[in-house]
Amino acid sequence: MKLDLAQYREVAAFAQFGSDLDAATQAFLNRGVRLTELLKQGQYVPMAIEDQVCVLFAGVRGYLDKLEVSKITAFEQAFLAHLRSSQKDLLTTIRNEGKLSDDTIDKLKKVTSSFMETYLQA
């Protein structure tokens, strides 16, 4: 993610000088804006590591690409509330393992996809 954000900043700076950007570059810039928005955190409001992993997973894997930037914070709150209410076992696994196993990634993909389908329809 660190590399993605560094590339985003570099491409964003370059894009200021040119108006014609191909679709892939525009998509890359849009994802960078969303990732930057996800990283914003209130002062003195620590976030549990398992919450960070799930939210950043959604951003890095492109689940937020169709979401307006202004709705990222609301998504984050709703997604975390969903995870805490119905996916406590997944959060516990992420916290205890300290890494994402293939099984955990598969579960996280399913949970995120399913949540995004209902969230985008609302």
N, C-alpha and C. Protein backbone atom coordinates (compact mmCIF):
# COMPACT_ATOMS: atom_id res chain seq x y z
N MET A 1 0.82 -1.18 0.00
CA MET A 1 0.00 0.00 0.00
C MET A 1 0.87 1.25 0.00
N LYS A 2 1.97 1.18 0.70
CA LYS A 2 2.89 2.32 0.75
C LYS A 2 3.37 2.65 -0.66
N LEU A 3 3.71 1.62 -1.41
CA LEU A 3 4.16 1.80 -2.78
C LEU A 3 3.03 2.35 -3.66
N ASP A 4 1.81 1.84 -3.46
CA ASP A 4 0.66 2.33 -4.23
C ASP A 4 0.44 3.81 -4.00
N LEU A 5 0.52 4.24 -2.75
CA LEU A 5 0.30 5.66 -2.44
C LEU A 5 1.43 6.53 -2.98
N ALA A 6 2.66 6.02 -2.93
CA ALA A 6 3.78 6.78 -3.49
C ALA A 6 3.60 6.94 -5.00
N GLN A 7 3.20 5.87 -5.67
CA GLN A 7 2.95 5.95 -7.11
C GLN A 7 1.78 6.88 -7.40
N TYR A 8 0.75 6.83 -6.57
CA TYR A 8 -0.40 7.71 -6.73
C TYR A 8 0.03 9.18 -6.68
N ARG A 9 0.83 9.52 -5.69
CA ARG A 9 1.28 10.92 -5.56
C ARG A 9 2.11 11.35 -6.76
N GLU A 10 2.95 10.45 -7.23
CA GLU A 10 3.78 10.76 -8.39
C GLU A 10 2.93 10.97 -9.64
N VAL A 11 1.99 10.07 -9.88
CA VAL A 11 1.12 10.19 -11.06
C VAL A 11 0.21 11.41 -10.93
N ALA A 12 -0.27 11.68 -9.72
CA ALA A 12 -1.12 12.85 -9.51
C ALA A 12 -0.38 14.14 -9.81
N ALA A 13 0.87 14.21 -9.40
CA ALA A 13 1.68 15.39 -9.70
C ALA A 13 1.90 15.53 -11.20
N PHE A 14 2.16 14.42 -11.86
CA PHE A 14 2.36 14.44 -13.30
C PHE A 14 1.06 14.80 -14.03
N ALA A 15 -0.07 14.32 -13.52
CA ALA A 15 -1.36 14.54 -14.17
C ALA A 15 -1.78 16.00 -14.15
N GLN A 16 -1.22 16.77 -13.24
CA GLN A 16 -1.55 18.19 -13.19
C GLN A 16 -1.10 18.92 -14.46
N PHE A 17 -0.08 18.38 -15.11
CA PHE A 17 0.47 19.03 -16.29
C PHE A 17 -0.21 18.60 -17.58
N GLY A 18 -0.92 17.49 -17.55
CA GLY A 18 -1.57 17.00 -18.76
C GLY A 18 -3.04 16.78 -18.51
N SER A 19 -3.84 16.98 -19.55
CA SER A 19 -5.28 16.81 -19.38
C SER A 19 -5.77 15.48 -19.95
N ASP A 20 -5.02 14.89 -20.85
CA ASP A 20 -5.44 13.64 -21.47
C ASP A 20 -4.84 12.45 -20.72
N LEU A 21 -5.69 11.78 -19.95
CA LEU A 21 -5.24 10.61 -19.20
C LEU A 21 -6.05 9.41 -19.68
N ASP A 22 -5.37 8.29 -19.84
CA ASP A 22 -6.09 7.09 -20.25
C ASP A 22 -6.92 6.57 -19.08
N ALA A 23 -7.81 5.63 -19.37
CA ALA A 23 -8.74 5.12 -18.36
C ALA A 23 -8.01 4.45 -17.20
N ALA A 24 -6.94 3.72 -17.49
CA ALA A 24 -6.19 3.04 -16.43
C ALA A 24 -5.56 4.04 -15.47
N THR A 25 -5.04 5.12 -16.00
CA THR A 25 -4.42 6.15 -15.15
C THR A 25 -5.48 6.84 -14.30
N GLN A 26 -6.62 7.13 -14.90
CA GLN A 26 -7.71 7.76 -14.13
C GLN A 26 -8.20 6.83 -13.02
N ALA A 27 -8.32 5.55 -13.32
CA ALA A 27 -8.74 4.58 -12.30
C ALA A 27 -7.72 4.51 -11.16
N PHE A 28 -6.44 4.54 -11.53
CA PHE A 28 -5.36 4.52 -10.54
C PHE A 28 -5.43 5.75 -9.64
N LEU A 29 -5.65 6.91 -10.23
CA LEU A 29 -5.76 8.15 -9.46
C LEU A 29 -6.98 8.13 -8.55
N ASN A 30 -8.09 7.61 -9.07
CA ASN A 30 -9.31 7.54 -8.26
C ASN A 30 -9.13 6.61 -7.06
N ARG A 31 -8.45 5.48 -7.27
CA ARG A 31 -8.21 4.57 -6.15
C ARG A 31 -7.29 5.24 -5.12
N GLY A 32 -6.30 5.97 -5.58
CA GLY A 32 -5.40 6.67 -4.67
C GLY A 32 -6.12 7.68 -3.79
N VAL A 33 -7.09 8.38 -4.38
CA VAL A 33 -7.88 9.34 -3.61
C VAL A 33 -8.66 8.60 -2.52
N ARG A 34 -9.24 7.47 -2.87
CA ARG A 34 -10.02 6.69 -1.90
C ARG A 34 -9.14 6.10 -0.80
N LEU A 35 -7.96 5.62 -1.15
CA LEU A 35 -7.05 5.09 -0.14
C LEU A 35 -6.60 6.18 0.82
N THR A 36 -6.32 7.36 0.27
CA THR A 36 -5.92 8.49 1.11
C THR A 36 -7.05 8.85 2.08
N GLU A 37 -8.27 8.81 1.60
CA GLU A 37 -9.43 9.10 2.44
C GLU A 37 -9.57 8.04 3.55
N LEU A 38 -9.31 6.79 3.21
CA LEU A 38 -9.40 5.71 4.20
C LEU A 38 -8.38 5.88 5.32
N LEU A 39 -7.24 6.45 5.00
CA LEU A 39 -6.17 6.59 5.99
C LEU A 39 -6.42 7.72 6.99
N LYS A 40 -7.38 8.57 6.70
CA LYS A 40 -7.68 9.66 7.63
C LYS A 40 -8.32 9.08 8.88
N GLN A 41 -7.83 9.53 10.01
CA GLN A 41 -8.30 9.00 11.29
C GLN A 41 -8.38 10.15 12.28
N GLY A 42 -9.40 10.12 13.09
CA GLY A 42 -9.57 11.16 14.08
C GLY A 42 -8.44 11.17 15.10
N GLN A 43 -8.11 12.36 15.57
CA GLN A 43 -7.05 12.48 16.57
C GLN A 43 -7.52 11.83 17.87
N TYR A 44 -6.64 11.08 18.50
CA TYR A 44 -6.92 10.38 19.75
C TYR A 44 -8.02 9.32 19.59
N VAL A 45 -8.18 8.79 18.38
CA VAL A 45 -9.16 7.74 18.13
C VAL A 45 -8.42 6.55 17.52
N PRO A 46 -7.77 5.76 18.37
CA PRO A 46 -7.03 4.61 17.84
C PRO A 46 -7.98 3.58 17.22
N MET A 47 -7.46 2.87 16.25
CA MET A 47 -8.27 1.87 15.55
C MET A 47 -7.59 0.52 15.73
N ALA A 48 -8.38 -0.48 16.07
CA ALA A 48 -7.83 -1.82 16.27
C ALA A 48 -7.21 -2.32 14.97
N ILE A 49 -6.17 -3.11 15.07
CA ILE A 49 -5.45 -3.59 13.89
C ILE A 49 -6.36 -4.40 12.98
N GLU A 50 -7.23 -5.23 13.55
CA GLU A 50 -8.13 -6.03 12.71
C GLU A 50 -9.11 -5.15 11.94
N ASP A 51 -9.54 -4.03 12.53
CA ASP A 51 -10.39 -3.08 11.82
C ASP A 51 -9.63 -2.43 10.68
N GLN A 52 -8.40 -2.04 10.94
CA GLN A 52 -7.56 -1.43 9.91
C GLN A 52 -7.37 -2.39 8.74
N VAL A 53 -7.07 -3.64 9.05
CA VAL A 53 -6.83 -4.63 8.00
C VAL A 53 -8.05 -4.78 7.11
N CYS A 54 -9.22 -4.89 7.69
CA CYS A 54 -10.44 -5.10 6.91
C CYS A 54 -10.77 -3.89 6.03
N VAL A 55 -10.65 -2.71 6.60
CA VAL A 55 -10.98 -1.50 5.84
C VAL A 55 -9.96 -1.29 4.71
N LEU A 56 -8.70 -1.45 5.01
CA LEU A 56 -7.68 -1.27 3.98
C LEU A 56 -7.74 -2.36 2.92
N PHE A 57 -8.13 -3.56 3.30
CA PHE A 57 -8.34 -4.65 2.34
C PHE A 57 -9.37 -4.22 1.30
N ALA A 58 -10.47 -3.65 1.77
CA ALA A 58 -11.53 -3.20 0.86
C ALA A 58 -11.00 -2.13 -0.10
N GLY A 59 -10.19 -1.21 0.41
CA GLY A 59 -9.66 -0.15 -0.44
C GLY A 59 -8.63 -0.63 -1.43
N VAL A 60 -7.67 -1.41 -0.97
CA VAL A 60 -6.58 -1.87 -1.82
C VAL A 60 -7.07 -2.84 -2.89
N ARG A 61 -8.05 -3.67 -2.55
CA ARG A 61 -8.57 -4.66 -3.49
C ARG A 61 -9.59 -4.09 -4.47
N GLY A 62 -9.89 -2.79 -4.36
CA GLY A 62 -10.74 -2.14 -5.35
C GLY A 62 -12.23 -2.18 -5.08
N TYR A 63 -12.63 -2.63 -3.91
CA TYR A 63 -14.06 -2.70 -3.59
C TYR A 63 -14.69 -1.31 -3.48
N LEU A 64 -13.89 -0.30 -3.24
CA LEU A 64 -14.41 1.06 -3.05
C LEU A 64 -14.35 1.90 -4.32
N ASP A 65 -13.91 1.33 -5.41
CA ASP A 65 -13.71 2.09 -6.64
C ASP A 65 -15.01 2.73 -7.15
N LYS A 66 -16.14 2.12 -6.89
CA LYS A 66 -17.42 2.65 -7.38
C LYS A 66 -18.08 3.59 -6.39
N LEU A 67 -17.48 3.74 -5.24
CA LEU A 67 -18.05 4.57 -4.18
C LEU A 67 -17.54 6.00 -4.30
N GLU A 68 -18.43 6.96 -4.08
CA GLU A 68 -18.01 8.36 -4.10
C GLU A 68 -17.06 8.63 -2.94
N VAL A 69 -16.10 9.49 -3.17
CA VAL A 69 -15.09 9.79 -2.15
C VAL A 69 -15.76 10.36 -0.90
N SER A 70 -16.77 11.16 -1.07
CA SER A 70 -17.45 11.78 0.08
C SER A 70 -18.15 10.75 0.97
N LYS A 71 -18.34 9.54 0.47
CA LYS A 71 -19.04 8.51 1.24
C LYS A 71 -18.10 7.47 1.86
N ILE A 72 -16.80 7.68 1.73
CA ILE A 72 -15.83 6.72 2.24
C ILE A 72 -15.92 6.59 3.77
N THR A 73 -16.02 7.69 4.48
CA THR A 73 -16.08 7.65 5.94
C THR A 73 -17.34 6.94 6.41
N ALA A 74 -18.47 7.22 5.77
CA ALA A 74 -19.72 6.54 6.12
C ALA A 74 -19.63 5.05 5.83
N PHE A 75 -19.00 4.70 4.70
CA PHE A 75 -18.80 3.28 4.39
C PHE A 75 -17.97 2.62 5.48
N GLU A 76 -16.89 3.26 5.85
CA GLU A 76 -15.98 2.70 6.85
C GLU A 76 -16.72 2.39 8.15
N GLN A 77 -17.53 3.33 8.60
CA GLN A 77 -18.28 3.13 9.84
C GLN A 77 -19.30 2.00 9.69
N ALA A 78 -20.01 1.96 8.58
CA ALA A 78 -21.01 0.92 8.36
C ALA A 78 -20.37 -0.45 8.22
N PHE A 79 -19.25 -0.52 7.50
CA PHE A 79 -18.56 -1.78 7.30
C PHE A 79 -18.04 -2.33 8.62
N LEU A 80 -17.44 -1.48 9.42
CA LEU A 80 -16.92 -1.91 10.71
C LEU A 80 -18.06 -2.35 11.65
N ALA A 81 -19.17 -1.64 11.61
CA ALA A 81 -20.32 -2.04 12.42
C ALA A 81 -20.82 -3.42 11.99
N HIS A 82 -20.85 -3.64 10.69
CA HIS A 82 -21.27 -4.95 10.16
C HIS A 82 -20.31 -6.04 10.61
N LEU A 83 -19.03 -5.80 10.49
CA LEU A 83 -18.04 -6.80 10.89
C LEU A 83 -18.13 -7.11 12.38
N ARG A 84 -18.30 -6.08 13.19
CA ARG A 84 -18.35 -6.28 14.64
C ARG A 84 -19.61 -7.02 15.07
N SER A 85 -20.69 -6.84 14.32
CA SER A 85 -21.94 -7.49 14.71
C SER A 85 -22.07 -8.91 14.17
N SER A 86 -21.57 -9.16 12.95
CA SER A 86 -21.82 -10.47 12.35
C SER A 86 -20.57 -11.26 11.99
N GLN A 87 -19.40 -10.67 12.12
CA GLN A 87 -18.16 -11.35 11.73
C GLN A 87 -17.09 -11.28 12.82
N LYS A 88 -17.52 -11.44 14.06
CA LYS A 88 -16.58 -11.36 15.18
C LYS A 88 -15.48 -12.41 15.07
N ASP A 89 -15.84 -13.59 14.56
CA ASP A 89 -14.84 -14.65 14.43
C ASP A 89 -13.75 -14.28 13.44
N LEU A 90 -14.13 -13.61 12.36
CA LEU A 90 -13.15 -13.17 11.36
C LEU A 90 -12.20 -12.13 11.96
N LEU A 91 -12.75 -11.17 12.69
CA LEU A 91 -11.93 -10.15 13.34
C LEU A 91 -10.98 -10.77 14.36
N THR A 92 -11.48 -11.74 15.10
CA THR A 92 -10.64 -12.42 16.09
C THR A 92 -9.51 -13.18 15.41
N THR A 93 -9.83 -13.84 14.31
CA THR A 93 -8.80 -14.59 13.58
C THR A 93 -7.71 -13.65 13.08
N ILE A 94 -8.09 -12.53 12.52
CA ILE A 94 -7.11 -11.57 12.00
C ILE A 94 -6.23 -11.06 13.15
N ARG A 95 -6.85 -10.74 14.28
CA ARG A 95 -6.09 -10.23 15.42
C ARG A 95 -5.13 -11.29 15.96
N ASN A 96 -5.60 -12.52 16.07
CA ASN A 96 -4.78 -13.58 16.68
C ASN A 96 -3.68 -14.10 15.76
N GLU A 97 -3.97 -14.21 14.46
CA GLU A 97 -2.97 -14.74 13.54
C GLU A 97 -1.89 -13.73 13.21
N GLY A 98 -2.25 -12.47 13.16
CA GLY A 98 -1.27 -11.44 12.84
C GLY A 98 -0.91 -11.37 11.37
N LYS A 99 -1.56 -12.18 10.56
CA LYS A 99 -1.36 -12.14 9.11
C LYS A 99 -2.62 -12.69 8.45
N LEU A 100 -2.72 -12.51 7.16
CA LEU A 100 -3.88 -13.00 6.43
C LEU A 100 -3.54 -14.32 5.74
N SER A 101 -4.11 -15.39 6.24
CA SER A 101 -3.94 -16.69 5.59
C SER A 101 -4.86 -16.75 4.36
N ASP A 102 -4.68 -17.74 3.54
CA ASP A 102 -5.52 -17.89 2.34
C ASP A 102 -6.99 -18.02 2.72
N ASP A 103 -7.27 -18.79 3.78
CA ASP A 103 -8.66 -18.96 4.22
C ASP A 103 -9.25 -17.64 4.71
N THR A 104 -8.47 -16.88 5.44
CA THR A 104 -8.93 -15.60 5.95
C THR A 104 -9.17 -14.62 4.80
N ILE A 105 -8.30 -14.64 3.82
CA ILE A 105 -8.48 -13.78 2.64
C ILE A 105 -9.76 -14.15 1.91
N ASP A 106 -10.01 -15.44 1.75
CA ASP A 106 -11.24 -15.88 1.09
C ASP A 106 -12.48 -15.42 1.85
N LYS A 107 -12.46 -15.57 3.17
CA LYS A 107 -13.60 -15.12 3.98
C LYS A 107 -13.77 -13.62 3.88
N LEU A 108 -12.68 -12.89 3.92
CA LEU A 108 -12.73 -11.43 3.85
C LEU A 108 -13.26 -10.97 2.49
N LYS A 109 -12.87 -11.67 1.43
CA LYS A 109 -13.39 -11.35 0.10
C LYS A 109 -14.90 -11.54 0.05
N LYS A 110 -15.38 -12.67 0.57
CA LYS A 110 -16.81 -12.96 0.56
C LYS A 110 -17.60 -11.95 1.38
N VAL A 111 -17.10 -11.66 2.56
CA VAL A 111 -17.78 -10.70 3.45
C VAL A 111 -17.81 -9.31 2.82
N THR A 112 -16.69 -8.88 2.27
CA THR A 112 -16.60 -7.55 1.68
C THR A 112 -17.48 -7.45 0.44
N SER A 113 -17.44 -8.46 -0.43
CA SER A 113 -18.27 -8.45 -1.64
C SER A 113 -19.75 -8.40 -1.28
N SER A 114 -20.14 -9.23 -0.36
CA SER A 114 -21.54 -9.28 0.03
C SER A 114 -21.98 -7.96 0.66
N PHE A 115 -21.14 -7.38 1.51
CA PHE A 115 -21.49 -6.10 2.13
C PHE A 115 -21.58 -5.00 1.08
N MET A 116 -20.64 -4.97 0.13
CA MET A 116 -20.64 -3.93 -0.90
C MET A 116 -21.90 -4.00 -1.76
N GLU A 117 -22.35 -5.20 -2.07
CA GLU A 117 -23.57 -5.34 -2.88
C GLU A 117 -24.75 -4.68 -2.19
N THR A 118 -24.93 -4.96 -0.91
CA THR A 118 -26.05 -4.36 -0.19
C THR A 118 -25.81 -2.87 0.09
N TYR A 119 -24.58 -2.49 0.34
CA TYR A 119 -24.28 -1.09 0.64
C TYR A 119 -24.51 -0.19 -0.56
N LEU A 120 -24.11 -0.64 -1.74
CA LEU A 120 -24.27 0.16 -2.95
C LEU A 120 -25.73 0.29 -3.36
N GLN A 121 -26.55 -0.68 -2.98
CA GLN A 121 -27.97 -0.63 -3.33
C GLN A 121 -28.75 0.31 -2.41
N ALA A 122 -28.23 0.53 -1.22
CA ALA A 122 -28.92 1.37 -0.24
C ALA A 122 -28.86 2.83 -0.60
